[in-house]
Amino acid sequence: MASRVREDYRSLTGPEKAAIFLLSLGEEHAAKLFQHMDDEEIRELSQTMSSLGTVSANIIERLFVEFAEQMSATGSLVGSFESTERLLMKVLEGDKVDQIMEEIRGPAGRTMWDKLGNVNEVVLANYLKNEYPQTVAVVLSKIKPEHAARVLGLLPESFAMEVIMRMLRMEAVQKEVLEDVERTLRTEFMSNLARTNRRDAHEMMAEIFNSLDRQTEQRFISALEERNRDSAERIKALMFTFEDLGKLDPQGVQVLLRNVEKSKLAMALKGASETIRELFFTNMAERAAKLLREEMASMGPVRLKDVDEAQIYMVQQAKDLAARGEIVLSEGKGDDQLIY
């Protein structure tokens, strides 16, 4: 697919204008300008350069009115990871360039080990299973214990035991060894991470579908069933809907009730099945349940759109509570697996 060409001059931000200016000057002149900037300015400009994409000649001409004749001959310029890195290499030491480019490319985090903490454990385990056990032992000793545990559980058992034995025997890791492992991770793993699919596509689509209103969701599901029934069924199985809150235990319902806005609760229950309504009413104090019923009755007819929004809100609150470990959700149709 062709990359989008930047055409709207008015939408350019200050850093984008500066980035276009530097890229259009060429590496030699831009290098001299970089020498007068501090690290934070260089980092911001580098980040902007790398994401510019293709910039039309019209924008360049307008930005450099006084150099219109020279600029109009350039056609367009492209800001990319490679051109940014090449420019930085002319003015900064290699280690500093690596650090800046790593921040642009990699997951969030200040150090390599922070970054690894943000990498999906499946992706990390798939990479580490092909490394030496000693290297894996060093990596797992540097990341958070809970993350290391999840990665370890995904490694082949015999290999995982080799890693565990080395972790048990490991003393202070020499600085040179640590730097060598970091270098390997940076060049072989982090540089390719942006191109790695870290999430199951069906899980992602299930989350997106969960956030749609009921009519739009049904339209997409029906269309998908016609094109790819297997994918449609898998997405439906992964979706957690308002009706699935019926699987909550009494304690879970009470925790959820304490964390939702009462007006949203009334709207959500207005369009709920009798089973779901009773689940919430029976887990409330008698007076609170009476007041809620009265509020629902006083609403009169309500729009389906408002009910959908309130129910999506309730589901999101439940998911947030589950992520914090305050309630347990059983996700998926007919699936008794507990997700914490």
C-alpha atoms as a PDB file:
ATOM      1  CA  MET A   1       0.000   0.000   0.000  1.00  0.00           C
ATOM      2  CA  ALA A   2       1.434   3.423  -0.941  1.00  0.00           C
ATOM      3  CA  SER A   3       2.468   5.667   1.947  1.00  0.00           C
ATOM      4  CA  ARG A   4       0.431   8.779   2.631  1.00  0.00           C
ATOM      5  CA  VAL A   5       1.954  12.016   1.325  1.00  0.00           C
ATOM      6  CA  ARG A   6       1.839  15.000   3.695  1.00  0.00           C
ATOM      7  CA  GLU A   7       0.042  17.844   1.875  1.00  0.00           C
ATOM      8  CA  ASP A   8      -1.583  20.049   4.544  1.00  0.00           C
ATOM      9  CA  TYR A   9       0.864  22.735   5.647  1.00  0.00           C
ATOM     10  CA  ARG A  10      -1.485  24.088   8.332  1.00  0.00           C
ATOM     11  CA  SER A  11      -1.489  20.779  10.210  1.00  0.00           C
ATOM     12  CA  LEU A  12       2.299  20.768  10.726  1.00  0.00           C
ATOM     13  CA  THR A  13       3.492  21.123  14.316  1.00  0.00           C
ATOM     14  CA  GLY A  14       6.599  23.065  15.351  1.00  0.00           C
ATOM     15  CA  PRO A  15       8.752  19.913  15.772  1.00  0.00           C
ATOM     16  CA  GLU A  16       7.551  18.633  12.362  1.00  0.00           C
ATOM     17  CA  LYS A  17       8.604  21.880  10.686  1.00  0.00           C
ATOM     18  CA  ALA A  18      12.014  21.658  12.371  1.00  0.00           C
ATOM     19  CA  ALA A  19      12.373  18.020  11.327  1.00  0.00           C
ATOM     20  CA  ILE A  20      11.544  18.797   7.673  1.00  0.00           C
ATOM     21  CA  PHE A  21      14.000  21.706   7.799  1.00  0.00           C
ATOM     22  CA  LEU A  22      16.832  19.497   9.082  1.00  0.00           C
ATOM     23  CA  LEU A  23      16.147  16.651   6.668  1.00  0.00           C
ATOM     24  CA  SER A  24      16.023  18.992   3.708  1.00  0.00           C
ATOM     25  CA  LEU A  25      19.352  20.638   4.646  1.00  0.00           C
ATOM     26  CA  GLY A  26      21.213  17.389   4.164  1.00  0.00           C
ATOM     27  CA  GLU A  27      23.304  15.428   6.623  1.00  0.00           C
ATOM     28  CA  GLU A  28      26.400  17.651   6.727  1.00  0.00           C
ATOM     29  CA  HIS A  29      24.587  20.914   7.525  1.00  0.00           C
ATOM     30  CA  ALA A  30      22.083  19.235   9.828  1.00  0.00           C
ATOM     31  CA  ALA A  31      24.962  17.633  11.738  1.00  0.00           C
ATOM     32  CA  LYS A  32      26.355  21.069  12.580  1.00  0.00           C
ATOM     33  CA  LEU A  33      22.963  22.162  13.934  1.00  0.00           C
ATOM     34  CA  PHE A  34      22.625  19.013  16.072  1.00  0.00           C
ATOM     35  CA  GLN A  35      25.940  19.849  17.778  1.00  0.00           C
ATOM     36  CA  HIS A  36      24.250  22.900  19.351  1.00  0.00           C
ATOM     37  CA  MET A  37      21.264  20.992  20.764  1.00  0.00           C
ATOM     38  CA  ASP A  38      20.826  19.137  24.041  1.00  0.00           C
ATOM     39  CA  ASP A  39      19.885  15.454  24.272  1.00  0.00           C
ATOM     40  CA  GLU A  40      16.169  16.130  24.852  1.00  0.00           C
ATOM     41  CA  GLU A  41      15.917  18.333  21.760  1.00  0.00           C
ATOM     42  CA  ILE A  42      17.754  15.751  19.662  1.00  0.00           C
ATOM     43  CA  ARG A  43      15.499  12.993  20.970  1.00  0.00           C
ATOM     44  CA  GLU A  44      12.302  14.923  20.173  1.00  0.00           C
ATOM     45  CA  LEU A  45      13.479  15.859  16.681  1.00  0.00           C
ATOM     46  CA  SER A  46      14.651  12.302  15.995  1.00  0.00           C
ATOM     47  CA  GLN A  47      11.292  10.883  17.029  1.00  0.00           C
ATOM     48  CA  THR A  48       9.508  13.356  14.754  1.00  0.00           C
ATOM     49  CA  MET A  49      11.850  12.719  11.807  1.00  0.00           C
ATOM     50  CA  SER A  50      11.381   8.978  11.951  1.00  0.00           C
ATOM     51  CA  SER A  51       7.594   9.255  11.702  1.00  0.00           C
ATOM     52  CA  LEU A  52       7.293  12.005   9.078  1.00  0.00           C
ATOM     53  CA  GLY A  53       6.792   9.681   6.129  1.00  0.00           C
ATOM     54  CA  THR A  54       6.679  11.335   2.718  1.00  0.00           C
ATOM     55  CA  VAL A  55       6.481  15.137   2.665  1.00  0.00           C
ATOM     56  CA  SER A  56       5.280  16.819  -0.513  1.00  0.00           C
ATOM     57  CA  ALA A  57       7.370  19.377  -2.377  1.00  0.00           C
ATOM     58  CA  ASN A  58       4.576  21.935  -1.870  1.00  0.00           C
ATOM     59  CA  ILE A  59       5.049  21.871   1.882  1.00  0.00           C
ATOM     60  CA  ILE A  60       8.836  22.163   1.552  1.00  0.00           C
ATOM     61  CA  GLU A  61       8.488  25.143  -0.759  1.00  0.00           C
ATOM     62  CA  ARG A  62       6.082  26.880   1.574  1.00  0.00           C
ATOM     63  CA  LEU A  63       8.283  26.198   4.601  1.00  0.00           C
ATOM     64  CA  PHE A  64      11.353  27.565   2.815  1.00  0.00           C
ATOM     65  CA  VAL A  65       9.913  30.453   0.852  1.00  0.00           C
ATOM     66  CA  GLU A  66      13.301  32.111   0.523  1.00  0.00           C
ATOM     67  CA  PHE A  67      14.758  28.895  -0.953  1.00  0.00           C
ATOM     68  CA  ALA A  68      11.785  28.107  -3.219  1.00  0.00           C
ATOM     69  CA  GLU A  69      13.849  27.575  -6.357  1.00  0.00           C
ATOM     70  CA  GLN A  70      16.202  25.044  -4.750  1.00  0.00           C
ATOM     71  CA  MET A  71      13.459  23.248  -2.809  1.00  0.00           C
ATOM     72  CA  SER A  72      11.069  22.809  -5.748  1.00  0.00           C
ATOM     73  CA  ALA A  73      13.647  20.583  -7.440  1.00  0.00           C
ATOM     74  CA  THR A  74      13.743  18.116  -4.585  1.00  0.00           C
ATOM     75  CA  GLY A  75      10.301  16.654  -5.326  1.00  0.00           C
ATOM     76  CA  SER A  76       9.787  15.062  -1.940  1.00  0.00           C
ATOM     77  CA  LEU A  77      11.785  13.763   0.978  1.00  0.00           C
ATOM     78  CA  VAL A  78      11.291  10.769   3.229  1.00  0.00           C
ATOM     79  CA  GLY A  79      11.881  10.707   6.968  1.00  0.00           C
ATOM     80  CA  SER A  80      12.561   7.154   8.104  1.00  0.00           C
ATOM     81  CA  PHE A  81      14.337   5.195  10.838  1.00  0.00           C
ATOM     82  CA  GLU A  82      17.316   4.703   8.527  1.00  0.00           C
ATOM     83  CA  SER A  83      17.744   8.348   7.463  1.00  0.00           C
ATOM     84  CA  THR A  84      17.354   9.533  11.061  1.00  0.00           C
ATOM     85  CA  GLU A  85      19.892   7.014  12.347  1.00  0.00           C
ATOM     86  CA  ARG A  86      22.377   7.904   9.599  1.00  0.00           C
ATOM     87  CA  LEU A  87      22.088  11.589  10.471  1.00  0.00           C
ATOM     88  CA  LEU A  88      22.568  10.971  14.200  1.00  0.00           C
ATOM     89  CA  MET A  89      25.650   8.803  13.588  1.00  0.00           C
ATOM     90  CA  LYS A  90      27.412  11.863  12.171  1.00  0.00           C
ATOM     91  CA  VAL A  91      27.115  13.891  15.378  1.00  0.00           C
ATOM     92  CA  LEU A  92      26.777  11.458  18.285  1.00  0.00           C
ATOM     93  CA  GLU A  93      28.612   8.437  19.672  1.00  0.00           C
ATOM     94  CA  GLY A  94      27.289   5.045  18.576  1.00  0.00           C
ATOM     95  CA  ASP A  95      25.983   4.101  22.040  1.00  0.00           C
ATOM     96  CA  LYS A  96      23.976   7.312  22.313  1.00  0.00           C
ATOM     97  CA  VAL A  97      22.520   6.825  18.829  1.00  0.00           C
ATOM     98  CA  ASP A  98      21.561   3.234  19.727  1.00  0.00           C
ATOM     99  CA  GLN A  99      19.829   4.481  22.849  1.00  0.00           C
ATOM    100  CA  ILE A 100      17.838   7.164  20.997  1.00  0.00           C
ATOM    101  CA  MET A 101      16.848   4.832  18.148  1.00  0.00           C
ATOM    102  CA  GLU A 102      15.900   2.128  20.651  1.00  0.00           C
ATOM    103  CA  GLU A 103      13.527   4.547  22.380  1.00  0.00           C
ATOM    104  CA  ILE A 104      11.956   5.401  19.025  1.00  0.00           C
ATOM    105  CA  ARG A 105      11.572   1.794  17.894  1.00  0.00           C
ATOM    106  CA  GLY A 106      11.069  -0.309  21.014  1.00  0.00           C
ATOM    107  CA  PRO A 107       8.296  -0.703  23.604  1.00  0.00           C
ATOM    108  CA  ALA A 108       8.015   1.822  26.434  1.00  0.00           C
ATOM    109  CA  GLY A 109      10.753   1.742  29.070  1.00  0.00           C
ATOM    110  CA  ARG A 110      13.905   3.580  30.076  1.00  0.00           C
ATOM    111  CA  THR A 111      16.345   0.646  30.057  1.00  0.00           C
ATOM    112  CA  MET A 112      16.562  -2.542  28.019  1.00  0.00           C
ATOM    113  CA  TRP A 113      15.222  -4.468  31.018  1.00  0.00           C
ATOM    114  CA  ASP A 114      12.278  -2.074  31.413  1.00  0.00           C
ATOM    115  CA  LYS A 115      11.524  -2.640  27.733  1.00  0.00           C
ATOM    116  CA  LEU A 116      11.602  -6.424  28.127  1.00  0.00           C
ATOM    117  CA  GLY A 117       9.109  -6.046  30.958  1.00  0.00           C
ATOM    118  CA  ASN A 118       6.659  -4.624  28.402  1.00  0.00           C
ATOM    119  CA  VAL A 119       7.115  -7.441  25.891  1.00  0.00           C
ATOM    120  CA  ASN A 120       4.411 -10.101  25.701  1.00  0.00           C
ATOM    121  CA  GLU A 121       5.661 -13.242  27.477  1.00  0.00           C
ATOM    122  CA  VAL A 122       4.808 -15.492  24.505  1.00  0.00           C
ATOM    123  CA  VAL A 123       6.960 -13.375  22.175  1.00  0.00           C
ATOM    124  CA  LEU A 124       9.802 -13.258  24.689  1.00  0.00           C
ATOM    125  CA  ALA A 125       9.656 -17.019  25.379  1.00  0.00           C
ATOM    126  CA  ASN A 126       9.664 -17.825  21.655  1.00  0.00           C
ATOM    127  CA  TYR A 127      12.836 -15.784  21.257  1.00  0.00           C
ATOM    128  CA  LEU A 128      14.631 -17.010  24.389  1.00  0.00           C
ATOM    129  CA  LYS A 129      14.032 -20.721  23.745  1.00  0.00           C
ATOM    130  CA  ASN A 130      16.625 -20.485  20.945  1.00  0.00           C
ATOM    131  CA  GLU A 131      19.256 -18.802  23.141  1.00  0.00           C
ATOM    132  CA  TYR A 132      21.862 -20.337  25.458  1.00  0.00           C
ATOM    133  CA  PRO A 133      20.427 -21.260  28.896  1.00  0.00           C
ATOM    134  CA  GLN A 134      23.003 -18.961  30.543  1.00  0.00           C
ATOM    135  CA  THR A 135      21.778 -16.001  28.451  1.00  0.00           C
ATOM    136  CA  VAL A 136      18.167 -16.771  29.384  1.00  0.00           C
ATOM    137  CA  ALA A 137      19.165 -17.022  33.061  1.00  0.00           C
ATOM    138  CA  VAL A 138      20.690 -13.532  32.896  1.00  0.00           C
ATOM    139  CA  VAL A 139      17.591 -12.095  31.189  1.00  0.00           C
ATOM    140  CA  LEU A 140      15.120 -13.685  33.638  1.00  0.00           C
ATOM    141  CA  SER A 141      17.176 -12.493  36.601  1.00  0.00           C
ATOM    142  CA  LYS A 142      16.905  -8.893  35.378  1.00  0.00           C
ATOM    143  CA  ILE A 143      13.140  -8.650  34.721  1.00  0.00           C
ATOM    144  CA  LYS A 144      10.293  -8.636  37.249  1.00  0.00           C
ATOM    145  CA  PRO A 145       9.707 -11.991  39.004  1.00  0.00           C
ATOM    146  CA  GLU A 146       6.066 -12.295  37.892  1.00  0.00           C
ATOM    147  CA  HIS A 147       7.031 -11.680  34.263  1.00  0.00           C
ATOM    148  CA  ALA A 148       9.983 -14.075  34.510  1.00  0.00           C
ATOM    149  CA  ALA A 149       7.629 -16.727  35.933  1.00  0.00           C
ATOM    150  CA  ARG A 150       5.241 -16.443  32.981  1.00  0.00           C
ATOM    151  CA  VAL A 151       8.116 -16.678  30.488  1.00  0.00           C
ATOM    152  CA  LEU A 152       9.624 -19.652  32.313  1.00  0.00           C
ATOM    153  CA  GLY A 153       6.287 -21.468  32.236  1.00  0.00           C
ATOM    154  CA  LEU A 154       6.196 -21.151  28.429  1.00  0.00           C
ATOM    155  CA  LEU A 155       9.687 -22.593  27.823  1.00  0.00           C
ATOM    156  CA  PRO A 156      10.153 -26.321  27.072  1.00  0.00           C
ATOM    157  CA  GLU A 157      10.411 -28.098  30.434  1.00  0.00           C
ATOM    158  CA  SER A 158      13.922 -29.548  30.057  1.00  0.00           C
ATOM    159  CA  PHE A 159      15.238 -26.219  28.792  1.00  0.00           C
ATOM    160  CA  ALA A 160      13.480 -24.350  31.621  1.00  0.00           C
ATOM    161  CA  MET A 161      15.190 -26.636  34.166  1.00  0.00           C
ATOM    162  CA  GLU A 162      18.583 -25.861  32.613  1.00  0.00           C
ATOM    163  CA  VAL A 163      17.804 -22.166  33.010  1.00  0.00           C
ATOM    164  CA  ILE A 164      16.652 -22.619  36.627  1.00  0.00           C
ATOM    165  CA  MET A 165      19.859 -24.484  37.551  1.00  0.00           C
ATOM    166  CA  ARG A 166      21.977 -21.692  36.091  1.00  0.00           C
ATOM    167  CA  MET A 167      19.931 -19.051  37.899  1.00  0.00           C
ATOM    168  CA  LEU A 168      20.496 -20.915  41.179  1.00  0.00           C
ATOM    169  CA  ARG A 169      24.269 -21.056  40.595  1.00  0.00           C
ATOM    170  CA  MET A 170      24.533 -17.536  39.231  1.00  0.00           C
ATOM    171  CA  GLU A 171      26.596 -15.039  41.158  1.00  0.00           C
ATOM    172  CA  ALA A 172      27.021 -11.344  40.326  1.00  0.00           C
ATOM    173  CA  VAL A 173      26.907 -11.012  36.545  1.00  0.00           C
ATOM    174  CA  GLN A 174      30.011  -9.402  35.103  1.00  0.00           C
ATOM    175  CA  LYS A 175      29.436  -5.998  33.514  1.00  0.00           C
ATOM    176  CA  GLU A 176      30.917  -7.215  30.202  1.00  0.00           C
ATOM    177  CA  VAL A 177      28.571 -10.225  30.109  1.00  0.00           C
ATOM    178  CA  LEU A 178      25.563  -8.022  30.854  1.00  0.00           C
ATOM    179  CA  GLU A 179      26.541  -5.553  28.134  1.00  0.00           C
ATOM    180  CA  ASP A 180      27.012  -8.421  25.669  1.00  0.00           C
ATOM    181  CA  VAL A 181      23.520  -9.782  26.439  1.00  0.00           C
ATOM    182  CA  GLU A 182      22.019  -6.280  26.107  1.00  0.00           C
ATOM    183  CA  ARG A 183      23.777  -5.805  22.765  1.00  0.00           C
ATOM    184  CA  THR A 184      22.457  -9.132  21.490  1.00  0.00           C
ATOM    185  CA  LEU A 185      18.921  -8.335  22.600  1.00  0.00           C
ATOM    186  CA  ARG A 186      19.064  -4.911  21.020  1.00  0.00           C
ATOM    187  CA  THR A 187      20.379  -6.027  17.631  1.00  0.00           C
ATOM    188  CA  GLU A 188      18.621  -9.378  17.258  1.00  0.00           C
ATOM    189  CA  PHE A 189      15.378  -8.938  19.182  1.00  0.00           C
ATOM    190  CA  MET A 190      14.310  -5.339  19.764  1.00  0.00           C
ATOM    191  CA  SER A 191      15.042  -4.260  16.207  1.00  0.00           C
ATOM    192  CA  ASN A 192      12.598  -6.907  14.932  1.00  0.00           C
ATOM    193  CA  LEU A 193       9.976  -6.453  17.643  1.00  0.00           C
ATOM    194  CA  ALA A 194       8.066  -3.742  15.802  1.00  0.00           C
ATOM    195  CA  ARG A 195       7.427  -6.243  13.002  1.00  0.00           C
ATOM    196  CA  THR A 196       6.297  -8.987  15.391  1.00  0.00           C
ATOM    197  CA  ASN A 197       2.600  -9.624  15.865  1.00  0.00           C
ATOM    198  CA  ARG A 198       2.407  -9.558  19.657  1.00  0.00           C
ATOM    199  CA  ARG A 199      -1.321 -10.084  20.031  1.00  0.00           C
ATOM    200  CA  ASP A 200      -3.727 -12.628  18.743  1.00  0.00           C
ATOM    201  CA  ALA A 201      -5.738 -10.853  16.032  1.00  0.00           C
ATOM    202  CA  HIS A 202      -8.991 -12.518  17.118  1.00  0.00           C
ATOM    203  CA  GLU A 203      -8.538 -11.292  20.723  1.00  0.00           C
ATOM    204  CA  MET A 204      -7.945  -7.769  19.436  1.00  0.00           C
ATOM    205  CA  MET A 205     -11.074  -7.892  17.259  1.00  0.00           C
ATOM    206  CA  ALA A 206     -13.144  -9.301  20.126  1.00  0.00           C
ATOM    207  CA  GLU A 207     -12.158  -6.281  22.247  1.00  0.00           C
ATOM    208  CA  ILE A 208     -13.049  -3.917  19.405  1.00  0.00           C
ATOM    209  CA  PHE A 209     -16.406  -5.653  18.831  1.00  0.00           C
ATOM    210  CA  ASN A 210     -17.120  -5.426  22.572  1.00  0.00           C
ATOM    211  CA  SER A 211     -16.936  -1.638  22.257  1.00  0.00           C
ATOM    212  CA  LEU A 212     -19.396  -1.397  19.364  1.00  0.00           C
ATOM    213  CA  ASP A 213     -23.076  -0.699  19.842  1.00  0.00           C
ATOM    214  CA  ARG A 214     -25.283  -3.759  19.513  1.00  0.00           C
ATOM    215  CA  GLN A 215     -26.586  -3.077  15.992  1.00  0.00           C
ATOM    216  CA  THR A 216     -23.148  -2.331  14.512  1.00  0.00           C
ATOM    217  CA  GLU A 217     -21.639  -5.347  16.256  1.00  0.00           C
ATOM    218  CA  GLN A 218     -24.355  -7.625  14.891  1.00  0.00           C
ATOM    219  CA  ARG A 219     -23.922  -6.207  11.386  1.00  0.00           C
ATOM    220  CA  PHE A 220     -20.177  -6.905  11.401  1.00  0.00           C
ATOM    221  CA  ILE A 221     -20.571 -10.370  12.943  1.00  0.00           C
ATOM    222  CA  SER A 222     -23.176 -11.329  10.326  1.00  0.00           C
ATOM    223  CA  ALA A 223     -20.976 -10.079   7.487  1.00  0.00           C
ATOM    224  CA  LEU A 224     -17.973 -11.931   8.924  1.00  0.00           C
ATOM    225  CA  GLU A 225     -19.985 -15.146   9.259  1.00  0.00           C
ATOM    226  CA  GLU A 226     -20.644 -15.028   5.521  1.00  0.00           C
ATOM    227  CA  ARG A 227     -16.963 -14.543   4.670  1.00  0.00           C
ATOM    228  CA  ASN A 228     -15.190 -16.550   7.372  1.00  0.00           C
ATOM    229  CA  ARG A 229     -17.413 -18.492   9.775  1.00  0.00           C
ATOM    230  CA  ASP A 230     -14.471 -19.894  11.767  1.00  0.00           C
ATOM    231  CA  SER A 231     -13.139 -16.421  12.551  1.00  0.00           C
ATOM    232  CA  ALA A 232     -16.612 -15.159  13.431  1.00  0.00           C
ATOM    233  CA  GLU A 233     -17.178 -18.045  15.872  1.00  0.00           C
ATOM    234  CA  ARG A 234     -13.768 -17.545  17.466  1.00  0.00           C
ATOM    235  CA  ILE A 235     -14.374 -13.823  17.966  1.00  0.00           C
ATOM    236  CA  LYS A 236     -17.818 -14.473  19.464  1.00  0.00           C
ATOM    237  CA  ALA A 237     -16.276 -16.994  21.866  1.00  0.00           C
ATOM    238  CA  LEU A 238     -13.692 -14.436  22.994  1.00  0.00           C
ATOM    239  CA  MET A 239     -16.134 -11.563  23.447  1.00  0.00           C
ATOM    240  CA  PHE A 240     -17.233 -10.710  26.973  1.00  0.00           C
ATOM    241  CA  THR A 241     -20.715  -9.197  26.897  1.00  0.00           C
ATOM    242  CA  PHE A 242     -22.989  -7.607  29.456  1.00  0.00           C
ATOM    243  CA  GLU A 243     -24.959 -10.850  29.785  1.00  0.00           C
ATOM    244  CA  ASP A 244     -21.725 -12.616  30.776  1.00  0.00           C
ATOM    245  CA  LEU A 245     -21.803 -10.592  34.021  1.00  0.00           C
ATOM    246  CA  GLY A 246     -24.402 -13.194  35.038  1.00  0.00           C
ATOM    247  CA  LYS A 247     -21.466 -15.536  35.682  1.00  0.00           C
ATOM    248  CA  LEU A 248     -20.166 -13.323  38.502  1.00  0.00           C
ATOM    249  CA  ASP A 249     -20.366 -14.715  42.011  1.00  0.00           C
ATOM    250  CA  PRO A 250     -22.242 -12.669  44.671  1.00  0.00           C
ATOM    251  CA  GLN A 251     -19.012 -11.145  46.000  1.00  0.00           C
ATOM    252  CA  GLY A 252     -18.023 -10.091  42.484  1.00  0.00           C
ATOM    253  CA  VAL A 253     -21.412  -8.442  41.894  1.00  0.00           C
ATOM    254  CA  GLN A 254     -21.088  -6.513  45.164  1.00  0.00           C
ATOM    255  CA  VAL A 255     -17.595  -5.277  44.282  1.00  0.00           C
ATOM    256  CA  LEU A 256     -18.840  -4.174  40.866  1.00  0.00           C
ATOM    257  CA  LEU A 257     -21.823  -2.379  42.423  1.00  0.00           C
ATOM    258  CA  ARG A 258     -19.480  -0.370  44.645  1.00  0.00           C
ATOM    259  CA  ASN A 259     -17.476   0.776  41.625  1.00  0.00           C
ATOM    260  CA  VAL A 260     -20.117   1.873  39.095  1.00  0.00           C
ATOM    261  CA  GLU A 261     -22.140   5.031  38.692  1.00  0.00           C
ATOM    262  CA  LYS A 262     -25.706   4.424  39.835  1.00  0.00           C
ATOM    263  CA  SER A 263     -27.229   6.261  36.844  1.00  0.00           C
ATOM    264  CA  LYS A 264     -25.241   4.066  34.424  1.00  0.00           C
ATOM    265  CA  LEU A 265     -26.293   0.960  36.368  1.00  0.00           C
ATOM    266  CA  ALA A 266     -29.976   1.923  36.069  1.00  0.00           C
ATOM    267  CA  MET A 267     -29.642   2.511  32.320  1.00  0.00           C
ATOM    268  CA  ALA A 268     -27.753  -0.770  31.771  1.00  0.00           C
ATOM    269  CA  LEU A 269     -30.301  -2.824  33.739  1.00  0.00           C
ATOM    270  CA  LYS A 270     -33.181  -1.110  31.923  1.00  0.00           C
ATOM    271  CA  GLY A 271     -32.234  -3.135  28.836  1.00  0.00           C
ATOM    272  CA  ALA A 272     -31.050  -6.289  30.642  1.00  0.00           C
ATOM    273  CA  SER A 273     -32.694  -9.681  30.943  1.00  0.00           C
ATOM    274  CA  GLU A 274     -34.732 -10.439  34.063  1.00  0.00           C
ATOM    275  CA  THR A 275     -32.024 -12.886  35.179  1.00  0.00           C
ATOM    276  CA  ILE A 276     -29.311 -10.215  35.176  1.00  0.00           C
ATOM    277  CA  ARG A 277     -31.605  -7.710  36.886  1.00  0.00           C
ATOM    278  CA  GLU A 278     -32.389 -10.120  39.697  1.00  0.00           C
ATOM    279  CA  LEU A 279     -28.687 -10.951  40.127  1.00  0.00           C
ATOM    280  CA  PHE A 280     -27.952  -7.290  40.846  1.00  0.00           C
ATOM    281  CA  PHE A 281     -31.071  -6.608  42.901  1.00  0.00           C
ATOM    282  CA  THR A 282     -30.497  -9.614  45.195  1.00  0.00           C
ATOM    283  CA  ASN A 283     -26.952  -8.446  45.922  1.00  0.00           C
ATOM    284  CA  MET A 284     -28.052  -4.966  47.002  1.00  0.00           C
ATOM    285  CA  ALA A 285     -29.495  -3.743  50.253  1.00  0.00           C
ATOM    286  CA  GLU A 286     -33.300  -3.856  50.150  1.00  0.00           C
ATOM    287  CA  ARG A 287     -33.663  -0.065  50.257  1.00  0.00           C
ATOM    288  CA  ALA A 288     -31.010   0.457  47.539  1.00  0.00           C
ATOM    289  CA  ALA A 289     -32.745  -2.113  45.295  1.00  0.00           C
ATOM    290  CA  LYS A 290     -36.098  -0.351  45.828  1.00  0.00           C
ATOM    291  CA  LEU A 291     -34.606   3.053  44.906  1.00  0.00           C
ATOM    292  CA  LEU A 292     -32.961   1.576  41.809  1.00  0.00           C
ATOM    293  CA  ARG A 293     -36.235  -0.001  40.633  1.00  0.00           C
ATOM    294  CA  GLU A 294     -37.981   3.350  41.119  1.00  0.00           C
ATOM    295  CA  GLU A 295     -35.279   5.178  39.140  1.00  0.00           C
ATOM    296  CA  MET A 296     -35.597   2.662  36.282  1.00  0.00           C
ATOM    297  CA  ALA A 297     -39.388   3.023  36.252  1.00  0.00           C
ATOM    298  CA  SER A 298     -39.178   6.835  36.186  1.00  0.00           C
ATOM    299  CA  MET A 299     -36.951   6.752  33.097  1.00  0.00           C
ATOM    300  CA  GLY A 300     -39.762   5.757  30.796  1.00  0.00           C
ATOM    301  CA  PRO A 301     -38.729   4.630  27.281  1.00  0.00           C
ATOM    302  CA  VAL A 302     -34.960   4.861  26.695  1.00  0.00           C
ATOM    303  CA  ARG A 303     -32.878   4.776  23.524  1.00  0.00           C
ATOM    304  CA  LEU A 304     -31.142   1.494  22.670  1.00  0.00           C
ATOM    305  CA  LYS A 305     -27.949   3.492  22.045  1.00  0.00           C
ATOM    306  CA  ASP A 306     -27.951   4.782  25.644  1.00  0.00           C
ATOM    307  CA  VAL A 307     -28.528   1.273  27.012  1.00  0.00           C
ATOM    308  CA  ASP A 308     -25.655  -0.087  24.887  1.00  0.00           C
ATOM    309  CA  GLU A 309     -23.287   2.619  26.115  1.00  0.00           C
ATOM    310  CA  ALA A 310     -24.200   1.960  29.754  1.00  0.00           C
ATOM    311  CA  GLN A 311     -23.740  -1.803  29.329  1.00  0.00           C
ATOM    312  CA  ILE A 312     -20.363  -1.333  27.606  1.00  0.00           C
ATOM    313  CA  TYR A 313     -19.373   0.898  30.556  1.00  0.00           C
ATOM    314  CA  MET A 314     -20.387  -1.844  33.025  1.00  0.00           C
ATOM    315  CA  VAL A 315     -18.389  -4.476  31.138  1.00  0.00           C
ATOM    316  CA  GLN A 316     -15.321  -2.204  31.026  1.00  0.00           C
ATOM    317  CA  GLN A 317     -15.565  -1.536  34.775  1.00  0.00           C
ATOM    318  CA  ALA A 318     -15.769  -5.293  35.379  1.00  0.00           C
ATOM    319  CA  LYS A 319     -12.693  -5.892  33.192  1.00  0.00           C
ATOM    320  CA  ASP A 320     -10.740  -3.165  35.002  1.00  0.00           C
ATOM    321  CA  LEU A 321     -11.616  -4.730  38.374  1.00  0.00           C
ATOM    322  CA  ALA A 322     -10.603  -8.162  37.066  1.00  0.00           C
ATOM    323  CA  ALA A 323      -7.269  -6.763  35.841  1.00  0.00           C
ATOM    324  CA  ARG A 324      -6.632  -5.481  39.376  1.00  0.00           C
ATOM    325  CA  GLY A 325      -7.531  -8.885  40.815  1.00  0.00           C
ATOM    326  CA  GLU A 326     -10.577  -7.585  42.701  1.00  0.00           C
ATOM    327  CA  ILE A 327     -13.089  -9.828  40.898  1.00  0.00           C
ATOM    328  CA  VAL A 328     -12.899 -12.965  38.746  1.00  0.00           C
ATOM    329  CA  LEU A 329     -14.428 -13.062  35.285  1.00  0.00           C
ATOM    330  CA  SER A 330     -15.254 -16.267  33.437  1.00  0.00           C
ATOM    331  CA  GLU A 331     -14.818 -15.293  29.792  1.00  0.00           C
ATOM    332  CA  GLY A 332     -16.130 -16.986  26.659  1.00  0.00           C
ATOM    333  CA  LYS A 333     -19.379 -18.713  25.890  1.00  0.00           C
ATOM    334  CA  GLY A 334     -19.608 -22.027  27.696  1.00  0.00           C
ATOM    335  CA  ASP A 335     -15.990 -21.802  28.847  1.00  0.00           C
ATOM    336  CA  ASP A 336     -15.357 -22.328  32.539  1.00  0.00           C
ATOM    337  CA  GLN A 337     -11.744 -21.140  32.454  1.00  0.00           C
ATOM    338  CA  LEU A 338     -11.125 -18.406  35.008  1.00  0.00           C
ATOM    339  CA  ILE A 339      -9.306 -15.302  33.833  1.00  0.00           C
ATOM    340  CA  TYR A 340      -7.672 -13.253  36.577  1.00  0.00           C
END
